[in-house]
Amino acid sequence: MNNVIALAGVVIKELYRRKDFYVLFVLTALITLLLGSVNFFNDPKIVRYLKDICLLLIWISSLVIAITTAARQIPAERENRTIFPLLAKPVTRGQVIVGKFTGCWLACGFTLLVFYVFFTVVSGTREQNWNLEGILKMVWLHWVMLGIVVAMVLCGSIVFSAPSANITICFIVVVGILGLGRYLHRVALQQGEPVDTVLSVIYFAIPHLEWYDVRDFLVYDQHLAPWVDCGLATLYGAAYMVFFMCVAWVVFRRKTLTV
């Protein structure tokens, strides 16, 4: 466990040193504050559009941070030749996978806290409605979703040799799931065989990241699912995290590391 914590700490320190988070946060804050300073048509409900845009920017920024951070972990260790002294110590390849995942996921959690504190202040001061429970549920579901993405990207970083290819493929997969995942089953019912079976298998096999996208509930001040349902969604996400990390461990264990 000490090895896992040490590896996770290195990943978190790396996030502090890199400028990705700072640039994305500043851009999100500037765009949101700029739009918030304009009162279109004196419409008091314009704050809904402000919240929607701010949440969209937060989702885009968090996905960029999660995918790019996770994608460069293992390849950077191989490129810098630090993977060899690391594995020479009493550190197993499984501990490397778990440590990298833990560090990336905690780093994503830190960025989410910063982003959502900013969102809470902006929406609360404009709307005079501090929906703290709804925001807390959304932060938690968002973090669980990022955990699935981080585990998937880490697995891809071992399968694909180039980080750029891994980042591109993972971005396409994540955006495709978020945009089209919920409609695959409906499309499958309208197709003939074997397309129907293929689409149905894909629908039930992919992690449904869109289930964690509850932005509309917060934008339109609707009640989010109770904590019991959030717990079930957490178990669903945890199952996919474990699955992707197990696949990454199996591939990494059999992978030959050359000097």
C-alpha atoms as a PDB file:
ATOM      1  CA  MET A   1       0.000   0.000   0.000  1.00  0.00           C
ATOM      2  CA  ASN A   2       2.908   2.362   0.690  1.00  0.00           C
ATOM      3  CA  ASN A   3       4.165   1.799  -2.848  1.00  0.00           C
ATOM      4  CA  VAL A   4       0.734   2.622  -4.284  1.00  0.00           C
ATOM      5  CA  ILE A   5       0.484   5.819  -2.208  1.00  0.00           C
ATOM      6  CA  ALA A   6       3.995   6.883  -3.237  1.00  0.00           C
ATOM      7  CA  LEU A   7       3.229   6.367  -6.935  1.00  0.00           C
ATOM      8  CA  ALA A   8      -0.061   8.245  -6.587  1.00  0.00           C
ATOM      9  CA  GLY A   9       1.725  11.141  -4.920  1.00  0.00           C
ATOM     10  CA  VAL A  10       4.105  11.452  -7.856  1.00  0.00           C
ATOM     11  CA  VAL A  11       1.170  11.706 -10.284  1.00  0.00           C
ATOM     12  CA  ILE A  12      -0.517  14.405  -8.202  1.00  0.00           C
ATOM     13  CA  LYS A  13       2.714  16.419  -7.978  1.00  0.00           C
ATOM     14  CA  GLU A  14       3.031  16.141 -11.744  1.00  0.00           C
ATOM     15  CA  LEU A  15      -0.402  17.771 -12.121  1.00  0.00           C
ATOM     16  CA  TYR A  16       0.773  20.718 -10.012  1.00  0.00           C
ATOM     17  CA  ARG A  17       3.848  21.205 -12.211  1.00  0.00           C
ATOM     18  CA  ARG A  18       2.069  21.034 -15.546  1.00  0.00           C
ATOM     19  CA  LYS A  19       0.075  23.985 -16.876  1.00  0.00           C
ATOM     20  CA  ASP A  20      -2.883  22.029 -18.303  1.00  0.00           C
ATOM     21  CA  PHE A  21      -5.137  22.466 -15.292  1.00  0.00           C
ATOM     22  CA  TYR A  22      -4.346  26.141 -14.769  1.00  0.00           C
ATOM     23  CA  VAL A  23      -4.931  27.052 -18.422  1.00  0.00           C
ATOM     24  CA  LEU A  24      -8.242  25.174 -18.631  1.00  0.00           C
ATOM     25  CA  PHE A  25      -9.496  26.602 -15.348  1.00  0.00           C
ATOM     26  CA  VAL A  26      -8.617  30.168 -16.326  1.00  0.00           C
ATOM     27  CA  LEU A  27     -10.325  29.758 -19.713  1.00  0.00           C
ATOM     28  CA  THR A  28     -13.439  28.298 -18.087  1.00  0.00           C
ATOM     29  CA  ALA A  29     -13.551  31.104 -15.515  1.00  0.00           C
ATOM     30  CA  LEU A  30     -13.013  33.869 -18.073  1.00  0.00           C
ATOM     31  CA  ILE A  31     -15.660  32.580 -20.504  1.00  0.00           C
ATOM     32  CA  THR A  32     -18.187  32.014 -17.726  1.00  0.00           C
ATOM     33  CA  LEU A  33     -17.605  35.404 -16.086  1.00  0.00           C
ATOM     34  CA  LEU A  34     -17.727  37.160 -19.451  1.00  0.00           C
ATOM     35  CA  LEU A  35     -21.070  35.557 -20.306  1.00  0.00           C
ATOM     36  CA  GLY A  36     -22.333  36.177 -16.786  1.00  0.00           C
ATOM     37  CA  SER A  37     -21.656  39.887 -17.082  1.00  0.00           C
ATOM     38  CA  VAL A  38     -24.070  40.172 -20.012  1.00  0.00           C
ATOM     39  CA  ASN A  39     -27.803  40.250 -19.361  1.00  0.00           C
ATOM     40  CA  PHE A  40     -29.465  39.261 -22.636  1.00  0.00           C
ATOM     41  CA  PHE A  41     -32.941  40.789 -23.098  1.00  0.00           C
ATOM     42  CA  ASN A  42     -33.160  41.392 -19.339  1.00  0.00           C
ATOM     43  CA  ASP A  43     -34.237  37.770 -18.957  1.00  0.00           C
ATOM     44  CA  PRO A  44     -33.794  36.618 -15.336  1.00  0.00           C
ATOM     45  CA  LYS A  45     -33.738  32.960 -16.479  1.00  0.00           C
ATOM     46  CA  ILE A  46     -30.651  33.557 -18.597  1.00  0.00           C
ATOM     47  CA  VAL A  47     -28.686  32.119 -15.664  1.00  0.00           C
ATOM     48  CA  ARG A  48     -29.753  28.664 -16.874  1.00  0.00           C
ATOM     49  CA  TYR A  49     -27.791  29.147 -20.079  1.00  0.00           C
ATOM     50  CA  LEU A  50     -24.863  30.396 -18.038  1.00  0.00           C
ATOM     51  CA  LYS A  51     -24.959  27.281 -15.866  1.00  0.00           C
ATOM     52  CA  ASP A  52     -25.271  25.041 -18.909  1.00  0.00           C
ATOM     53  CA  ILE A  53     -22.247  26.619 -20.618  1.00  0.00           C
ATOM     54  CA  CYS A  54     -20.174  26.549 -17.434  1.00  0.00           C
ATOM     55  CA  LEU A  55     -20.962  22.859 -16.836  1.00  0.00           C
ATOM     56  CA  LEU A  56     -20.154  22.032 -20.456  1.00  0.00           C
ATOM     57  CA  LEU A  57     -16.762  23.722 -20.111  1.00  0.00           C
ATOM     58  CA  ILE A  58     -16.136  21.839 -16.862  1.00  0.00           C
ATOM     59  CA  TRP A  59     -16.907  18.504 -18.533  1.00  0.00           C
ATOM     60  CA  ILE A  60     -14.673  19.250 -21.505  1.00  0.00           C
ATOM     61  CA  SER A  61     -11.818  20.446 -19.281  1.00  0.00           C
ATOM     62  CA  SER A  62     -12.067  17.482 -16.907  1.00  0.00           C
ATOM     63  CA  LEU A  63     -12.044  14.992 -19.783  1.00  0.00           C
ATOM     64  CA  VAL A  64      -8.994  16.666 -21.310  1.00  0.00           C
ATOM     65  CA  ILE A  65      -7.156  16.554 -17.982  1.00  0.00           C
ATOM     66  CA  ALA A  66      -8.172  12.956 -17.205  1.00  0.00           C
ATOM     67  CA  ILE A  67      -7.307  11.517 -20.627  1.00  0.00           C
ATOM     68  CA  THR A  68      -4.039  13.372 -21.181  1.00  0.00           C
ATOM     69  CA  THR A  69      -2.813  12.768 -17.624  1.00  0.00           C
ATOM     70  CA  ALA A  70      -3.562   9.036 -17.673  1.00  0.00           C
ATOM     71  CA  ALA A  71      -2.294   8.509 -21.232  1.00  0.00           C
ATOM     72  CA  ARG A  72       1.242   9.736 -20.534  1.00  0.00           C
ATOM     73  CA  GLN A  73       1.907   7.840 -17.280  1.00  0.00           C
ATOM     74  CA  ILE A  74       3.257   4.474 -18.469  1.00  0.00           C
ATOM     75  CA  PRO A  75       4.747   5.742 -21.777  1.00  0.00           C
ATOM     76  CA  ALA A  76       6.600   8.529 -19.927  1.00  0.00           C
ATOM     77  CA  GLU A  77       8.091   5.984 -17.529  1.00  0.00           C
ATOM     78  CA  ARG A  78       9.311   3.884 -20.466  1.00  0.00           C
ATOM     79  CA  GLU A  79      10.624   6.873 -22.415  1.00  0.00           C
ATOM     80  CA  ASN A  80      12.533   8.288 -19.438  1.00  0.00           C
ATOM     81  CA  ARG A  81      13.846   4.809 -18.542  1.00  0.00           C
ATOM     82  CA  THR A  82      12.493   5.248 -14.997  1.00  0.00           C
ATOM     83  CA  ILE A  83      10.352   2.148 -15.292  1.00  0.00           C
ATOM     84  CA  PHE A  84      13.409  -0.096 -14.900  1.00  0.00           C
ATOM     85  CA  PRO A  85      14.679   1.212 -11.529  1.00  0.00           C
ATOM     86  CA  LEU A  86      11.047   1.432 -10.415  1.00  0.00           C
ATOM     87  CA  LEU A  87      10.403  -2.252 -11.085  1.00  0.00           C
ATOM     88  CA  ALA A  88      13.847  -3.143  -9.717  1.00  0.00           C
ATOM     89  CA  LYS A  89      12.587  -2.032  -6.336  1.00  0.00           C
ATOM     90  CA  PRO A  90      10.046  -4.178  -4.457  1.00  0.00           C
ATOM     91  CA  VAL A  91       7.261  -2.769  -6.664  1.00  0.00           C
ATOM     92  CA  THR A  92       5.138  -5.110  -8.755  1.00  0.00           C
ATOM     93  CA  ARG A  93       3.581  -4.236 -12.078  1.00  0.00           C
ATOM     94  CA  GLY A  94       0.161  -4.485 -10.490  1.00  0.00           C
ATOM     95  CA  GLN A  95       1.151  -1.880  -7.909  1.00  0.00           C
ATOM     96  CA  VAL A  96       2.345   0.394 -10.714  1.00  0.00           C
ATOM     97  CA  ILE A  97      -1.068   0.144 -12.408  1.00  0.00           C
ATOM     98  CA  VAL A  98      -3.006   0.733  -9.183  1.00  0.00           C
ATOM     99  CA  GLY A  99      -0.704   3.563  -8.101  1.00  0.00           C
ATOM    100  CA  LYS A 100      -0.945   5.355 -11.438  1.00  0.00           C
ATOM    101  CA  PHE A 101      -4.720   4.948 -11.472  1.00  0.00           C
ATOM    102  CA  THR A 102      -5.093   6.188  -7.903  1.00  0.00           C
ATOM    103  CA  GLY A 103      -2.932   9.230  -8.572  1.00  0.00           C
ATOM    104  CA  CYS A 104      -4.767  10.151 -11.786  1.00  0.00           C
ATOM    105  CA  TRP A 105      -8.186   9.656 -10.199  1.00  0.00           C
ATOM    106  CA  LEU A 106      -7.300  11.728  -7.121  1.00  0.00           C
ATOM    107  CA  ALA A 107      -5.849  14.429  -9.360  1.00  0.00           C
ATOM    108  CA  CYS A 108      -9.129  14.484 -11.301  1.00  0.00           C
ATOM    109  CA  GLY A 109     -11.021  14.761  -8.021  1.00  0.00           C
ATOM    110  CA  PHE A 110      -8.927  17.760  -7.020  1.00  0.00           C
ATOM    111  CA  THR A 111      -9.612  19.515 -10.320  1.00  0.00           C
ATOM    112  CA  LEU A 112     -13.332  18.779 -10.030  1.00  0.00           C
ATOM    113  CA  LEU A 113     -13.451  20.357  -6.574  1.00  0.00           C
ATOM    114  CA  VAL A 114     -11.845  23.541  -7.873  1.00  0.00           C
ATOM    115  CA  PHE A 115     -14.108  23.718 -10.914  1.00  0.00           C
ATOM    116  CA  TYR A 116     -17.323  23.005  -9.013  1.00  0.00           C
ATOM    117  CA  VAL A 117     -16.514  25.441  -6.195  1.00  0.00           C
ATOM    118  CA  PHE A 118     -16.231  28.100  -8.893  1.00  0.00           C
ATOM    119  CA  PHE A 119     -19.515  26.906 -10.451  1.00  0.00           C
ATOM    120  CA  THR A 120     -21.277  26.946  -7.086  1.00  0.00           C
ATOM    121  CA  VAL A 121     -20.167  30.514  -6.374  1.00  0.00           C
ATOM    122  CA  VAL A 122     -21.157  31.772  -9.840  1.00  0.00           C
ATOM    123  CA  SER A 123     -24.565  30.062  -9.967  1.00  0.00           C
ATOM    124  CA  GLY A 124     -25.362  30.781  -6.321  1.00  0.00           C
ATOM    125  CA  THR A 125     -24.635  34.487  -6.528  1.00  0.00           C
ATOM    126  CA  ARG A 126     -26.555  34.870  -9.797  1.00  0.00           C
ATOM    127  CA  GLU A 127     -29.526  32.679  -8.919  1.00  0.00           C
ATOM    128  CA  GLN A 128     -29.607  33.035  -5.116  1.00  0.00           C
ATOM    129  CA  ASN A 129     -30.181  29.297  -4.902  1.00  0.00           C
ATOM    130  CA  TRP A 130     -27.479  27.183  -3.262  1.00  0.00           C
ATOM    131  CA  ASN A 131     -28.371  23.622  -4.282  1.00  0.00           C
ATOM    132  CA  LEU A 132     -25.467  22.092  -2.400  1.00  0.00           C
ATOM    133  CA  GLU A 133     -26.858  18.553  -2.232  1.00  0.00           C
ATOM    134  CA  GLY A 134     -27.479  18.438  -5.977  1.00  0.00           C
ATOM    135  CA  ILE A 135     -23.997  19.796  -6.703  1.00  0.00           C
ATOM    136  CA  LEU A 136     -22.422  17.277  -4.325  1.00  0.00           C
ATOM    137  CA  LYS A 137     -24.209  14.397  -6.080  1.00  0.00           C
ATOM    138  CA  MET A 138     -23.131  15.711  -9.453  1.00  0.00           C
ATOM    139  CA  VAL A 139     -19.502  16.028  -8.354  1.00  0.00           C
ATOM    140  CA  TRP A 140     -19.533  12.469  -7.060  1.00  0.00           C
ATOM    141  CA  LEU A 141     -21.110  11.001 -10.225  1.00  0.00           C
ATOM    142  CA  HIS A 142     -18.752  13.036 -12.395  1.00  0.00           C
ATOM    143  CA  TRP A 143     -15.761  11.739 -10.422  1.00  0.00           C
ATOM    144  CA  VAL A 144     -16.928   8.126 -10.779  1.00  0.00           C
ATOM    145  CA  MET A 145     -17.290   8.643 -14.528  1.00  0.00           C
ATOM    146  CA  LEU A 146     -13.752  10.025 -14.716  1.00  0.00           C
ATOM    147  CA  GLY A 147     -12.547   6.962 -12.818  1.00  0.00           C
ATOM    148  CA  ILE A 148     -13.870   4.757 -15.631  1.00  0.00           C
ATOM    149  CA  VAL A 149     -12.204   6.984 -18.224  1.00  0.00           C
ATOM    150  CA  VAL A 150      -8.858   6.988 -16.374  1.00  0.00           C
ATOM    151  CA  ALA A 151      -8.867   3.179 -16.059  1.00  0.00           C
ATOM    152  CA  MET A 152      -9.734   2.812 -19.752  1.00  0.00           C
ATOM    153  CA  VAL A 153      -6.991   5.240 -20.833  1.00  0.00           C
ATOM    154  CA  LEU A 154      -4.399   3.535 -18.618  1.00  0.00           C
ATOM    155  CA  CYS A 155      -5.306   0.242 -20.244  1.00  0.00           C
ATOM    156  CA  GLY A 156      -4.949   1.883 -23.656  1.00  0.00           C
ATOM    157  CA  SER A 157      -1.552   3.317 -22.743  1.00  0.00           C
ATOM    158  CA  ILE A 158      -0.216  -0.220 -22.418  1.00  0.00           C
ATOM    159  CA  VAL A 159      -1.933  -1.559 -25.527  1.00  0.00           C
ATOM    160  CA  PHE A 160      -1.001   1.348 -27.824  1.00  0.00           C
ATOM    161  CA  SER A 161       2.629   2.300 -28.210  1.00  0.00           C
ATOM    162  CA  ALA A 162       2.147   6.019 -28.937  1.00  0.00           C
ATOM    163  CA  PRO A 163       0.411   8.279 -26.372  1.00  0.00           C
ATOM    164  CA  SER A 164      -0.999  10.418 -29.183  1.00  0.00           C
ATOM    165  CA  ALA A 165      -2.802   7.423 -30.684  1.00  0.00           C
ATOM    166  CA  ASN A 166      -4.143   6.427 -27.275  1.00  0.00           C
ATOM    167  CA  ILE A 167      -5.386   9.960 -26.538  1.00  0.00           C
ATOM    168  CA  THR A 168      -7.079  10.258 -29.946  1.00  0.00           C
ATOM    169  CA  ILE A 169      -8.771   6.862 -29.761  1.00  0.00           C
ATOM    170  CA  CYS A 170      -9.925   7.368 -26.173  1.00  0.00           C
ATOM    171  CA  PHE A 171     -11.324  10.814 -26.973  1.00  0.00           C
ATOM    172  CA  ILE A 172     -13.284   9.358 -29.894  1.00  0.00           C
ATOM    173  CA  VAL A 173     -14.569   6.454 -27.785  1.00  0.00           C
ATOM    174  CA  VAL A 174     -15.584   8.661 -24.828  1.00  0.00           C
ATOM    175  CA  VAL A 175     -17.280  11.290 -27.007  1.00  0.00           C
ATOM    176  CA  GLY A 176     -18.987   8.540 -29.000  1.00  0.00           C
ATOM    177  CA  ILE A 177     -20.339   6.891 -25.839  1.00  0.00           C
ATOM    178  CA  LEU A 178     -21.528  10.196 -24.397  1.00  0.00           C
ATOM    179  CA  GLY A 179     -23.190  11.224 -27.639  1.00  0.00           C
ATOM    180  CA  LEU A 180     -24.443   7.965 -29.149  1.00  0.00           C
ATOM    181  CA  GLY A 181     -24.255   5.305 -26.441  1.00  0.00           C
ATOM    182  CA  ARG A 182     -27.802   5.754 -25.202  1.00  0.00           C
ATOM    183  CA  TYR A 183     -29.258   5.391 -28.716  1.00  0.00           C
ATOM    184  CA  LEU A 184     -27.440   2.252 -29.857  1.00  0.00           C
ATOM    185  CA  HIS A 185     -30.137  -0.139 -28.603  1.00  0.00           C
ATOM    186  CA  ARG A 186     -32.892   1.814 -30.351  1.00  0.00           C
ATOM    187  CA  VAL A 187     -30.919   1.830 -33.591  1.00  0.00           C
ATOM    188  CA  ALA A 188     -30.255  -1.904 -33.231  1.00  0.00           C
ATOM    189  CA  LEU A 189     -33.997  -2.668 -33.064  1.00  0.00           C
ATOM    190  CA  GLN A 190     -34.472  -1.022 -36.457  1.00  0.00           C
ATOM    191  CA  GLN A 191     -31.695  -2.982 -38.163  1.00  0.00           C
ATOM    192  CA  GLY A 192     -31.602  -6.455 -39.614  1.00  0.00           C
ATOM    193  CA  GLU A 193     -29.236  -9.243 -38.719  1.00  0.00           C
ATOM    194  CA  PRO A 194     -26.287  -9.344 -38.095  1.00  0.00           C
ATOM    195  CA  VAL A 195     -26.178  -5.566 -37.483  1.00  0.00           C
ATOM    196  CA  ASP A 196     -28.893  -5.868 -34.830  1.00  0.00           C
ATOM    197  CA  THR A 197     -26.871  -8.377 -32.799  1.00  0.00           C
ATOM    198  CA  VAL A 198     -23.597  -6.493 -33.179  1.00  0.00           C
ATOM    199  CA  LEU A 199     -25.075  -3.179 -32.033  1.00  0.00           C
ATOM    200  CA  SER A 200     -26.888  -4.866 -29.134  1.00  0.00           C
ATOM    201  CA  VAL A 201     -23.661  -6.526 -27.948  1.00  0.00           C
ATOM    202  CA  ILE A 202     -21.828  -3.195 -28.156  1.00  0.00           C
ATOM    203  CA  TYR A 203     -24.655  -1.463 -26.272  1.00  0.00           C
ATOM    204  CA  PHE A 204     -24.540  -3.882 -23.354  1.00  0.00           C
ATOM    205  CA  ALA A 205     -20.719  -4.138 -23.322  1.00  0.00           C
ATOM    206  CA  ILE A 206     -19.694  -0.473 -23.277  1.00  0.00           C
ATOM    207  CA  PRO A 207     -19.588   1.530 -20.028  1.00  0.00           C
ATOM    208  CA  HIS A 208     -22.513   3.919 -20.241  1.00  0.00           C
ATOM    209  CA  LEU A 209     -20.782   7.150 -19.298  1.00  0.00           C
ATOM    210  CA  GLU A 210     -23.855   9.155 -20.324  1.00  0.00           C
ATOM    211  CA  TRP A 211     -25.686   7.856 -17.250  1.00  0.00           C
ATOM    212  CA  TYR A 212     -23.426  10.049 -15.125  1.00  0.00           C
ATOM    213  CA  ASP A 213     -24.236  13.193 -17.122  1.00  0.00           C
ATOM    214  CA  VAL A 214     -26.870  14.856 -14.912  1.00  0.00           C
ATOM    215  CA  ARG A 215     -26.188  18.445 -15.969  1.00  0.00           C
ATOM    216  CA  ASP A 216     -29.754  19.075 -17.129  1.00  0.00           C
ATOM    217  CA  PHE A 217     -31.107  18.215 -13.695  1.00  0.00           C
ATOM    218  CA  LEU A 218     -28.909  20.881 -12.128  1.00  0.00           C
ATOM    219  CA  VAL A 219     -29.502  23.460 -14.847  1.00  0.00           C
ATOM    220  CA  TYR A 220     -33.301  23.218 -14.585  1.00  0.00           C
ATOM    221  CA  ASP A 221     -33.333  22.827 -10.779  1.00  0.00           C
ATOM    222  CA  GLN A 222     -34.744  19.304 -10.849  1.00  0.00           C
ATOM    223  CA  HIS A 223     -34.199  16.766  -8.089  1.00  0.00           C
ATOM    224  CA  LEU A 224     -31.368  14.364  -8.774  1.00  0.00           C
ATOM    225  CA  ALA A 225     -31.576  10.659  -8.035  1.00  0.00           C
ATOM    226  CA  PRO A 226     -31.442   9.648  -4.345  1.00  0.00           C
ATOM    227  CA  TRP A 227     -28.163   8.605  -2.772  1.00  0.00           C
ATOM    228  CA  VAL A 228     -29.115   4.921  -3.076  1.00  0.00           C
ATOM    229  CA  ASP A 229     -29.194   5.214  -6.861  1.00  0.00           C
ATOM    230  CA  CYS A 230     -25.918   7.140  -6.782  1.00  0.00           C
ATOM    231  CA  GLY A 231     -24.445   4.251  -4.819  1.00  0.00           C
ATOM    232  CA  LEU A 232     -25.624   1.741  -7.453  1.00  0.00           C
ATOM    233  CA  ALA A 233     -24.096   3.914 -10.170  1.00  0.00           C
ATOM    234  CA  THR A 234     -20.865   3.928  -8.152  1.00  0.00           C
ATOM    235  CA  LEU A 235     -20.822   0.120  -8.012  1.00  0.00           C
ATOM    236  CA  TYR A 236     -21.432  -0.002 -11.773  1.00  0.00           C
ATOM    237  CA  GLY A 237     -18.534   2.364 -12.364  1.00  0.00           C
ATOM    238  CA  ALA A 238     -16.277   0.500  -9.922  1.00  0.00           C
ATOM    239  CA  ALA A 239     -16.895  -2.740 -11.816  1.00  0.00           C
ATOM    240  CA  TYR A 240     -15.627  -1.176 -15.043  1.00  0.00           C
ATOM    241  CA  MET A 241     -12.643   0.392 -13.258  1.00  0.00           C
ATOM    242  CA  VAL A 242     -11.623  -3.005 -11.908  1.00  0.00           C
ATOM    243  CA  PHE A 243     -12.184  -4.622 -15.312  1.00  0.00           C
ATOM    244  CA  PHE A 244      -9.991  -2.145 -17.207  1.00  0.00           C
ATOM    245  CA  MET A 245      -7.252  -2.276 -14.562  1.00  0.00           C
ATOM    246  CA  CYS A 246      -7.258  -6.080 -14.608  1.00  0.00           C
ATOM    247  CA  VAL A 247      -6.895  -6.046 -18.403  1.00  0.00           C
ATOM    248  CA  ALA A 248      -4.086  -3.481 -18.089  1.00  0.00           C
ATOM    249  CA  TRP A 249      -2.341  -5.615 -15.465  1.00  0.00           C
ATOM    250  CA  VAL A 250      -2.563  -8.787 -17.579  1.00  0.00           C
ATOM    251  CA  VAL A 251      -1.189  -7.036 -20.672  1.00  0.00           C
ATOM    252  CA  PHE A 252       1.487  -5.161 -18.708  1.00  0.00           C
ATOM    253  CA  ARG A 253       2.624  -8.327 -16.929  1.00  0.00           C
ATOM    254  CA  ARG A 254       3.208 -10.095 -20.246  1.00  0.00           C
ATOM    255  CA  LYS A 255       4.752  -7.085 -21.945  1.00  0.00           C
ATOM    256  CA  THR A 256       8.512  -7.171 -22.428  1.00  0.00           C
ATOM    257  CA  LEU A 257      10.278  -3.952 -21.470  1.00  0.00           C
ATOM    258  CA  THR A 258      13.367  -3.330 -23.528  1.00  0.00           C
ATOM    259  CA  VAL A 259      16.146  -0.878 -22.819  1.00  0.00           C
END
